[in-house]
Amino acid sequence: RVRVEAETIRCYVNDELVVTSSDRGFRDGRVGLAAFRGTEAAFRGYVNGPEVPQLMPPESLRTRIATATASLPSVQPPTAAMLEELAAVGPAALAALELQAVELERRSAQLRDLAELVHHRQTLKAFAEATAGQEEAIDLFRASGLIAMLDNSELDVEACCAEFETLAASIRSRLPADADDAGKIAMLDRVLFSELGFHGSRGDYYNRSNSYINEVVDDREGIPITLSVVYMELAGRLGLKVQGIGFPGHFIVRFDPAEGEPEWIDVFERGRRLSRDDLARRLAENSGESLTESHLAVAPTRAILARMLNNLLGIAMREDDPPAMLRYLDAMLTVEPDSARTRVLRMLTARRLDRIEVTLADARWLLENQPADIDLALVRQLVESLEAER
């Protein structure tokens, strides 16, 4: 942080003053960043103005956090007197210090776990707010960014959205004023697939990065649903009507031009156009089913988000990662609170993690709503067992 005052320039690193200068040679001009050899760069969190926020939390917040975690120990640097006193104890002092170190490490892990839980709660709240209200009012790209944030506390979703808007604006700026829908979709295809090289992931399909929308945009690689989200959201910002189709096993999109027939597009295959016969053949090969209109129904926004989360859940289940499973199940119930399957999975996952409150809440929901195909007797036994232990 650099502060230019009337007579002095003060430079801070991590809010600590490191340089004070009265140099008069840097008083004029304007604030900016220097480019190196003409390369383009983005600086996360860069701001300038009369007031710049501090990097470190204010003392009042640190005091509040310290009060909330008062039961956890703190340590001070050893003084010479302390070292002399401990050294005089003999070898037993080393064992005692090792035991204390183990305890402090345990408490440190406890704080890290707490930080992760707080981050999850904050992200889940933001996700709930982003997906509230009418379907058409939900910003699908931003909500997808919040899904990625479940696993990445350092992700700046607002910056990610701003970069996406810049990409949309750059495509829009290349369109002639009288561009029709056919011209707009052609430009979108050209930029995404020919110039930027967006493509489907084949060598590492089940990597979680392919489900994080920010990494899909950065790496220009993803799975059908995340690539389709990028395509749909850019198309919408160009004034085009492109909607998601939850085709079995492979998400696609449908382009509805103002004039002409709809087009089904496989974004994973770099914008390949599909006929109805193509879709019928693909469905028959994969499942043996005959194509019906239900297979080509438009997917609601919340259903798209739930499907993205379900992909991540499947990866976490294969990797036997219960904490990640619980994160995704929490978010899935945010957009589909009446899903009995998701309730059962979260109840069982929370039980594995000894999250008793969550386990009981889902078990009681199942007993109250009595969904079909659920063994409610076993659920009731679980509730009775957990309540007896409390």
Protein backbone atom coordinates (compact mmCIF):
# COMPACT_ATOMS: atom_id res chain seq x y z
CA ARG A 1 0.00 0.00 0.00
CA VAL A 2 1.38 3.41 -1.00
CA ARG A 3 -0.01 6.65 0.44
CA VAL A 4 0.93 9.96 -1.19
CA GLU A 5 0.47 12.84 1.26
CA ALA A 6 1.14 16.56 0.92
CA GLU A 7 4.81 16.37 1.97
CA THR A 8 5.52 12.65 2.31
CA ILE A 9 5.19 9.32 0.51
CA ARG A 10 4.60 6.37 2.84
CA CYS A 11 4.96 2.75 1.67
CA TYR A 12 3.46 -0.18 3.61
CA VAL A 13 3.88 -3.96 3.38
CA ASN A 14 1.20 -5.96 5.22
CA ASP A 15 0.11 -2.67 6.80
CA GLU A 16 3.60 -2.14 8.33
CA LEU A 17 5.32 1.15 7.39
CA VAL A 18 8.61 0.24 5.66
CA VAL A 19 9.54 3.36 3.64
CA THR A 20 9.02 7.07 4.25
CA SER A 21 10.16 9.43 1.49
CA SER A 22 10.07 13.18 0.95
CA ASP A 23 11.11 12.81 -2.70
CA ARG A 24 9.57 15.56 -4.85
CA GLY A 25 10.08 13.78 -8.18
CA PHE A 26 6.99 11.61 -7.91
CA ARG A 27 4.42 14.26 -7.04
CA ASP A 28 2.84 14.68 -10.47
CA GLY A 29 1.11 12.36 -12.95
CA ARG A 30 -1.43 9.72 -12.10
CA VAL A 31 -1.67 6.37 -10.37
CA GLY A 32 -1.04 3.33 -12.55
CA LEU A 33 0.78 0.05 -13.03
CA ALA A 34 3.84 -0.44 -15.21
CA ALA A 35 3.66 -2.96 -18.06
CA PHE A 36 6.71 -5.16 -18.66
CA ARG A 37 7.59 -5.75 -22.32
CA GLY A 38 4.03 -4.97 -23.34
CA THR A 39 2.48 -8.02 -21.67
CA GLU A 40 -1.03 -7.87 -20.26
CA ALA A 41 -1.61 -8.64 -16.60
CA ALA A 42 -4.39 -8.61 -14.04
CA PHE A 43 -3.79 -7.57 -10.45
CA ARG A 44 -6.23 -9.10 -7.97
CA GLY A 45 -7.44 -6.67 -5.37
CA TYR A 46 -5.75 -3.59 -6.92
CA VAL A 47 -7.43 -0.34 -5.87
CA ASN A 48 -6.50 3.33 -5.70
CA GLY A 49 -8.17 6.42 -4.35
CA PRO A 50 -8.21 8.84 -1.40
CA GLU A 51 -8.84 5.94 1.00
CA VAL A 52 -7.44 2.42 0.51
CA PRO A 53 -8.58 -0.42 2.80
CA GLN A 54 -5.97 -2.01 5.05
CA LEU A 55 -4.72 -5.48 4.15
CA MET A 56 -4.85 -6.82 7.70
CA PRO A 57 -8.10 -7.04 9.71
CA PRO A 58 -8.70 -4.04 11.99
CA GLU A 59 -7.85 -4.37 15.66
CA SER A 60 -11.52 -4.40 16.65
CA LEU A 61 -12.18 -7.48 14.51
CA ARG A 62 -9.06 -9.24 15.73
CA THR A 63 -10.14 -8.59 19.31
CA ARG A 64 -13.57 -10.01 18.56
CA ILE A 65 -12.07 -13.16 17.02
CA ALA A 66 -9.66 -13.51 19.94
CA THR A 67 -12.56 -13.30 22.38
CA ALA A 68 -14.49 -15.93 20.46
CA THR A 69 -11.51 -18.31 20.58
CA ALA A 70 -10.40 -17.47 24.11
CA SER A 71 -10.41 -21.13 25.09
CA LEU A 72 -7.57 -21.81 22.65
CA PRO A 73 -4.01 -21.21 23.94
CA SER A 74 -1.60 -18.53 22.87
CA VAL A 75 2.19 -18.57 23.11
CA GLN A 76 4.76 -15.85 23.67
CA PRO A 77 8.40 -15.73 22.51
CA PRO A 78 10.65 -17.28 25.20
CA THR A 79 12.62 -14.93 27.43
CA ALA A 80 16.13 -15.64 28.63
CA ALA A 81 14.78 -16.25 32.13
CA MET A 82 12.26 -18.77 30.81
CA LEU A 83 14.94 -20.64 28.88
CA GLU A 84 17.19 -20.75 31.94
CA GLU A 85 14.38 -22.03 34.13
CA LEU A 86 13.38 -24.78 31.69
CA ALA A 87 16.96 -25.83 31.03
CA ALA A 88 17.48 -26.28 34.76
CA VAL A 89 14.64 -28.82 34.89
CA GLY A 90 16.67 -31.35 32.92
CA PRO A 91 15.60 -33.88 30.25
CA ALA A 92 12.02 -33.95 31.52
CA ALA A 93 11.59 -30.42 30.20
CA LEU A 94 11.98 -31.66 26.63
CA ALA A 95 9.28 -34.28 27.04
CA ALA A 96 6.97 -31.75 28.63
CA LEU A 97 7.57 -29.29 25.80
CA GLU A 98 6.91 -31.99 23.20
CA LEU A 99 3.60 -32.79 24.87
CA GLN A 100 2.71 -29.12 24.90
CA ALA A 101 3.66 -28.83 21.22
CA VAL A 102 1.34 -31.72 20.36
CA GLU A 103 -1.48 -29.97 22.20
CA LEU A 104 -0.83 -26.69 20.41
CA GLU A 105 -0.77 -28.47 17.05
CA ARG A 106 -4.12 -30.02 17.90
CA ARG A 107 -5.54 -26.62 18.75
CA SER A 108 -4.03 -25.18 15.57
CA ALA A 109 -5.77 -27.85 13.51
CA GLN A 110 -8.97 -27.02 15.40
CA LEU A 111 -8.69 -23.38 14.35
CA ARG A 112 -8.07 -24.34 10.72
CA ASP A 113 -11.13 -26.58 10.80
CA LEU A 114 -13.12 -23.70 12.29
CA ALA A 115 -11.91 -21.37 9.54
CA GLU A 116 -13.03 -23.88 6.90
CA LEU A 117 -16.46 -24.20 8.51
CA VAL A 118 -16.87 -20.42 8.68
CA HIS A 119 -15.87 -20.11 5.02
CA HIS A 120 -18.37 -22.81 4.11
CA ARG A 121 -21.15 -21.10 6.04
CA GLN A 122 -20.39 -17.75 4.39
CA THR A 123 -20.23 -19.28 0.90
CA LEU A 124 -23.41 -21.27 1.44
CA LYS A 125 -25.22 -18.11 2.54
CA ALA A 126 -24.01 -16.25 -0.56
CA PHE A 127 -25.08 -19.19 -2.74
CA ALA A 128 -28.54 -19.22 -1.15
CA GLU A 129 -28.92 -15.48 -1.78
CA ALA A 130 -27.71 -15.84 -5.37
CA THR A 131 -30.23 -18.60 -6.12
CA ALA A 132 -33.24 -17.10 -4.35
CA GLY A 133 -36.18 -15.63 -6.21
CA GLN A 134 -37.35 -16.31 -9.75
CA GLU A 135 -35.38 -18.67 -12.02
CA GLU A 136 -34.89 -16.04 -14.71
CA ALA A 137 -33.35 -13.64 -12.18
CA ILE A 138 -30.55 -16.02 -11.18
CA ASP A 139 -27.10 -15.15 -12.55
CA LEU A 140 -26.01 -18.66 -13.54
CA PHE A 141 -22.36 -17.73 -14.04
CA ARG A 142 -22.04 -16.06 -10.63
CA ALA A 143 -23.83 -18.94 -8.90
CA SER A 144 -21.45 -21.35 -10.65
CA GLY A 145 -18.55 -19.30 -9.32
CA LEU A 146 -19.90 -19.70 -5.79
CA ILE A 147 -19.93 -23.48 -6.31
CA ALA A 148 -16.22 -23.28 -7.12
CA MET A 149 -15.73 -21.13 -4.04
CA LEU A 150 -16.95 -24.01 -1.85
CA ASP A 151 -13.54 -25.60 -2.42
CA ASN A 152 -11.43 -22.46 -2.78
CA SER A 153 -11.52 -19.79 -0.08
CA GLU A 154 -9.15 -17.58 -2.09
CA LEU A 155 -11.41 -17.37 -5.14
CA ASP A 156 -12.62 -13.83 -5.83
CA VAL A 157 -16.00 -14.49 -7.42
CA GLU A 158 -16.69 -10.82 -8.16
CA ALA A 159 -13.36 -10.47 -9.97
CA CYS A 160 -14.11 -13.66 -11.90
CA CYS A 161 -17.49 -12.24 -12.94
CA ALA A 162 -15.89 -8.95 -13.97
CA GLU A 163 -13.40 -10.77 -16.21
CA PHE A 164 -16.27 -12.73 -17.76
CA GLU A 165 -18.13 -9.49 -18.50
CA THR A 166 -14.98 -8.16 -20.15
CA LEU A 167 -14.85 -11.25 -22.38
CA ALA A 168 -18.51 -10.77 -23.34
CA ALA A 169 -17.91 -7.08 -24.08
CA SER A 170 -14.92 -7.89 -26.29
CA ILE A 171 -17.05 -10.27 -28.38
CA ARG A 172 -19.89 -7.75 -28.53
CA SER A 173 -17.53 -5.01 -29.72
CA ARG A 174 -16.63 -7.07 -32.78
CA LEU A 175 -20.22 -7.38 -33.97
CA PRO A 176 -21.55 -5.03 -36.65
CA ALA A 177 -24.38 -2.79 -35.53
CA ASP A 178 -26.88 -4.68 -37.67
CA ALA A 179 -25.75 -8.18 -36.67
CA ASP A 180 -28.58 -10.70 -36.60
CA ASP A 181 -28.76 -13.79 -34.40
CA ALA A 182 -26.96 -15.94 -36.98
CA GLY A 183 -24.09 -13.45 -37.12
CA LYS A 184 -23.87 -13.22 -33.34
CA ILE A 185 -23.75 -16.98 -32.78
CA ALA A 186 -21.16 -17.33 -35.55
CA MET A 187 -18.95 -14.73 -33.84
CA LEU A 188 -19.39 -16.48 -30.49
CA ASP A 189 -18.33 -19.80 -32.04
CA ARG A 190 -15.37 -18.18 -33.76
CA VAL A 191 -14.04 -16.51 -30.62
CA LEU A 192 -14.61 -19.40 -28.22
CA PHE A 193 -13.53 -22.33 -30.36
CA SER A 194 -11.27 -21.03 -33.13
CA GLU A 195 -9.51 -18.15 -31.37
CA LEU A 196 -9.56 -19.05 -27.66
CA GLY A 197 -9.56 -22.81 -28.15
CA PHE A 198 -12.28 -23.83 -25.69
CA HIS A 199 -12.63 -27.62 -25.81
CA GLY A 200 -13.86 -30.65 -23.93
CA SER A 201 -11.58 -32.34 -21.42
CA ARG A 202 -10.67 -35.87 -22.45
CA GLY A 203 -7.46 -36.89 -20.72
CA ASP A 204 -8.56 -35.80 -17.23
CA TYR A 205 -12.35 -35.71 -17.48
CA TYR A 206 -13.09 -36.35 -13.79
CA ASN A 207 -10.74 -33.71 -12.42
CA ARG A 208 -12.67 -31.32 -10.14
CA SER A 209 -11.12 -28.38 -11.99
CA ASN A 210 -13.42 -29.19 -14.91
CA SER A 211 -16.38 -28.39 -12.65
CA TYR A 212 -14.99 -25.07 -11.34
CA ILE A 213 -16.29 -22.40 -13.71
CA ASN A 214 -13.39 -20.01 -13.04
CA GLU A 215 -10.84 -22.68 -13.98
CA VAL A 216 -12.86 -23.70 -17.03
CA VAL A 217 -12.66 -20.08 -18.26
CA ASP A 218 -8.96 -19.81 -17.41
CA ASP A 219 -7.94 -23.21 -18.83
CA ARG A 220 -10.51 -23.13 -21.68
CA GLU A 221 -11.28 -26.75 -20.92
CA GLY A 222 -14.16 -28.41 -19.15
CA ILE A 223 -16.93 -30.99 -19.14
CA PRO A 224 -20.19 -30.63 -21.11
CA ILE A 225 -22.17 -28.81 -18.43
CA THR A 226 -19.55 -26.22 -17.45
CA LEU A 227 -18.64 -25.47 -21.06
CA SER A 228 -22.36 -25.13 -21.79
CA VAL A 229 -22.75 -22.66 -18.91
CA VAL A 230 -19.95 -20.51 -20.36
CA TYR A 231 -21.57 -20.67 -23.80
CA MET A 232 -25.10 -19.92 -22.56
CA GLU A 233 -24.03 -17.02 -20.37
CA LEU A 234 -21.94 -15.40 -23.09
CA ALA A 235 -24.76 -15.90 -25.59
CA GLY A 236 -27.21 -14.24 -23.22
CA ARG A 237 -24.93 -11.23 -22.92
CA LEU A 238 -24.98 -10.96 -26.72
CA GLY A 239 -28.77 -10.91 -26.75
CA LEU A 240 -29.16 -14.53 -27.88
CA LYS A 241 -31.57 -17.13 -26.55
CA VAL A 242 -29.49 -20.21 -25.71
CA GLN A 243 -30.82 -22.61 -23.08
CA GLY A 244 -29.45 -25.69 -21.38
CA ILE A 245 -30.79 -29.15 -22.18
CA GLY A 246 -30.25 -31.83 -19.55
CA PHE A 247 -29.77 -34.54 -22.15
CA PRO A 248 -29.07 -37.90 -20.44
CA GLY A 249 -25.37 -38.37 -19.84
CA HIS A 250 -24.22 -35.34 -21.84
CA PHE A 251 -25.39 -31.76 -21.30
CA ILE A 252 -26.07 -29.76 -24.48
CA VAL A 253 -27.67 -26.40 -25.36
CA ARG A 254 -30.44 -25.26 -27.69
CA PHE A 255 -30.16 -22.07 -29.72
CA ASP A 256 -33.50 -20.43 -30.57
CA PRO A 257 -32.88 -17.71 -33.19
CA ALA A 258 -35.39 -14.94 -33.77
CA GLU A 259 -35.85 -16.35 -37.26
CA GLY A 260 -35.37 -19.94 -38.32
CA GLU A 261 -35.38 -23.34 -36.65
CA PRO A 262 -33.83 -24.17 -33.26
CA GLU A 263 -30.34 -25.71 -33.22
CA TRP A 264 -28.99 -28.21 -30.72
CA ILE A 265 -25.33 -27.56 -29.97
CA ASP A 266 -22.72 -29.78 -28.31
CA VAL A 267 -20.35 -27.26 -26.73
CA PHE A 268 -18.07 -30.08 -25.52
CA GLU A 269 -17.45 -30.91 -29.19
CA ARG A 270 -16.46 -27.31 -29.99
CA GLY A 271 -19.96 -26.20 -30.99
CA ARG A 272 -20.96 -29.16 -33.13
CA ARG A 273 -24.55 -28.86 -34.39
CA LEU A 274 -26.79 -31.86 -33.74
CA SER A 275 -29.90 -32.96 -35.57
CA ARG A 276 -32.81 -34.72 -33.92
CA ASP A 277 -31.62 -37.94 -35.57
CA ASP A 278 -28.16 -37.42 -34.04
CA LEU A 279 -29.70 -37.11 -30.60
CA ALA A 280 -31.95 -40.13 -31.07
CA ARG A 281 -28.98 -42.23 -32.19
CA ARG A 282 -26.81 -41.04 -29.29
CA LEU A 283 -29.53 -41.81 -26.74
CA ALA A 284 -30.17 -45.28 -28.19
CA GLU A 285 -26.45 -46.11 -28.11
CA ASN A 286 -26.00 -44.93 -24.51
CA SER A 287 -29.20 -46.13 -22.86
CA GLY A 288 -31.29 -48.04 -25.36
CA GLU A 289 -34.14 -45.54 -24.91
CA SER A 290 -36.21 -43.91 -27.63
CA LEU A 291 -36.01 -40.13 -27.89
CA THR A 292 -38.98 -38.21 -26.46
CA GLU A 293 -39.66 -34.53 -25.86
CA SER A 294 -38.82 -34.97 -22.18
CA HIS A 295 -35.22 -35.76 -23.15
CA LEU A 296 -35.01 -32.37 -24.87
CA ALA A 297 -36.71 -30.30 -22.17
CA VAL A 298 -35.04 -27.04 -21.11
CA ALA A 299 -33.21 -27.42 -17.80
CA PRO A 300 -34.17 -24.84 -15.14
CA THR A 301 -31.31 -22.83 -13.69
CA ARG A 302 -31.47 -24.51 -10.28
CA ALA A 303 -31.47 -27.93 -11.93
CA ILE A 304 -28.30 -26.97 -13.83
CA LEU A 305 -26.61 -25.93 -10.59
CA ALA A 306 -27.74 -29.13 -8.88
CA ARG A 307 -26.32 -31.18 -11.76
CA MET A 308 -22.98 -29.37 -11.48
CA LEU A 309 -22.91 -30.10 -7.76
CA ASN A 310 -23.88 -33.72 -8.38
CA ASN A 311 -20.87 -34.09 -10.68
CA LEU A 312 -18.60 -32.84 -7.90
CA LEU A 313 -20.37 -35.10 -5.42
CA GLY A 314 -19.70 -38.11 -7.65
CA ILE A 315 -15.98 -37.29 -7.76
CA ALA A 316 -15.84 -36.84 -3.97
CA MET A 317 -17.63 -40.16 -3.46
CA ARG A 318 -15.16 -41.97 -5.73
CA GLU A 319 -12.31 -40.39 -3.78
CA ASP A 320 -14.02 -41.17 -0.44
CA ASP A 321 -13.83 -37.53 0.68
CA PRO A 322 -16.68 -37.07 3.21
CA PRO A 323 -15.93 -33.39 4.06
CA ALA A 324 -16.20 -32.46 0.37
CA MET A 325 -19.30 -34.62 -0.01
CA LEU A 326 -20.95 -32.71 2.83
CA ARG A 327 -20.09 -29.35 1.25
CA TYR A 328 -21.71 -30.31 -2.04
CA LEU A 329 -24.76 -31.88 -0.37
CA ASP A 330 -25.32 -28.70 1.66
CA ALA A 331 -25.32 -26.66 -1.55
CA MET A 332 -27.53 -29.17 -3.38
CA LEU A 333 -30.18 -28.87 -0.67
CA THR A 334 -30.00 -25.10 -1.03
CA VAL A 335 -31.37 -25.34 -4.58
CA GLU A 336 -33.37 -28.58 -4.16
CA PRO A 337 -34.52 -28.64 -0.51
CA ASP A 338 -37.19 -31.29 -1.16
CA SER A 339 -34.82 -33.91 -2.58
CA ALA A 340 -35.20 -37.00 -0.38
CA ARG A 341 -32.18 -38.67 -2.01
CA THR A 342 -29.96 -35.73 -1.12
CA ARG A 343 -31.33 -35.67 2.44
CA VAL A 344 -30.48 -39.33 2.92
CA LEU A 345 -26.97 -38.88 1.51
CA ARG A 346 -26.31 -35.86 3.71
CA MET A 347 -27.69 -37.64 6.79
CA LEU A 348 -25.33 -40.58 6.23
CA THR A 349 -22.35 -38.37 5.38
CA ALA A 350 -22.89 -36.13 8.40
CA ARG A 351 -23.08 -39.24 10.59
CA ARG A 352 -19.67 -40.36 9.32
CA LEU A 353 -18.27 -36.97 10.30
CA ASP A 354 -20.00 -36.94 13.72
CA ARG A 355 -22.02 -33.89 12.68
CA ILE A 356 -24.87 -34.97 14.93
CA GLU A 357 -27.04 -31.84 14.56
CA VAL A 358 -27.07 -32.15 10.77
CA THR A 359 -27.72 -35.90 10.97
CA LEU A 360 -30.70 -35.42 13.26
CA ALA A 361 -32.11 -32.52 11.24
CA ASP A 362 -32.17 -34.58 8.04
CA ALA A 363 -33.49 -37.69 9.80
CA ARG A 364 -36.36 -35.70 11.31
CA TRP A 365 -37.11 -34.14 7.92
CA LEU A 366 -37.39 -37.63 6.42
CA LEU A 367 -39.67 -38.81 9.23
CA GLU A 368 -41.87 -35.74 8.86
CA ASN A 369 -42.15 -35.84 5.05
CA GLN A 370 -42.14 -39.65 4.69
CA PRO A 371 -40.81 -39.88 1.12
CA ALA A 372 -41.35 -43.12 -0.79
CA ASP A 373 -38.64 -45.79 -1.08
CA ILE A 374 -36.98 -44.77 2.20
CA ASP A 375 -36.74 -47.24 5.10
CA LEU A 376 -38.22 -44.93 7.73
CA ALA A 377 -37.88 -47.58 10.44
CA LEU A 378 -34.09 -47.43 10.12
CA VAL A 379 -34.21 -43.64 10.15
CA ARG A 380 -36.28 -43.74 13.33
CA GLN A 381 -33.78 -46.12 14.94
CA LEU A 382 -30.95 -43.74 14.05
CA VAL A 383 -32.76 -40.82 15.69
CA GLU A 384 -33.45 -42.81 18.85
CA SER A 385 -29.83 -44.00 19.03
CA LEU A 386 -28.38 -40.51 18.62
CA GLU A 387 -30.78 -38.94 21.09
CA ALA A 388 -29.93 -41.62 23.66
CA GLU A 389 -26.24 -40.74 23.33
CA ARG A 390 -26.79 -37.02 23.96
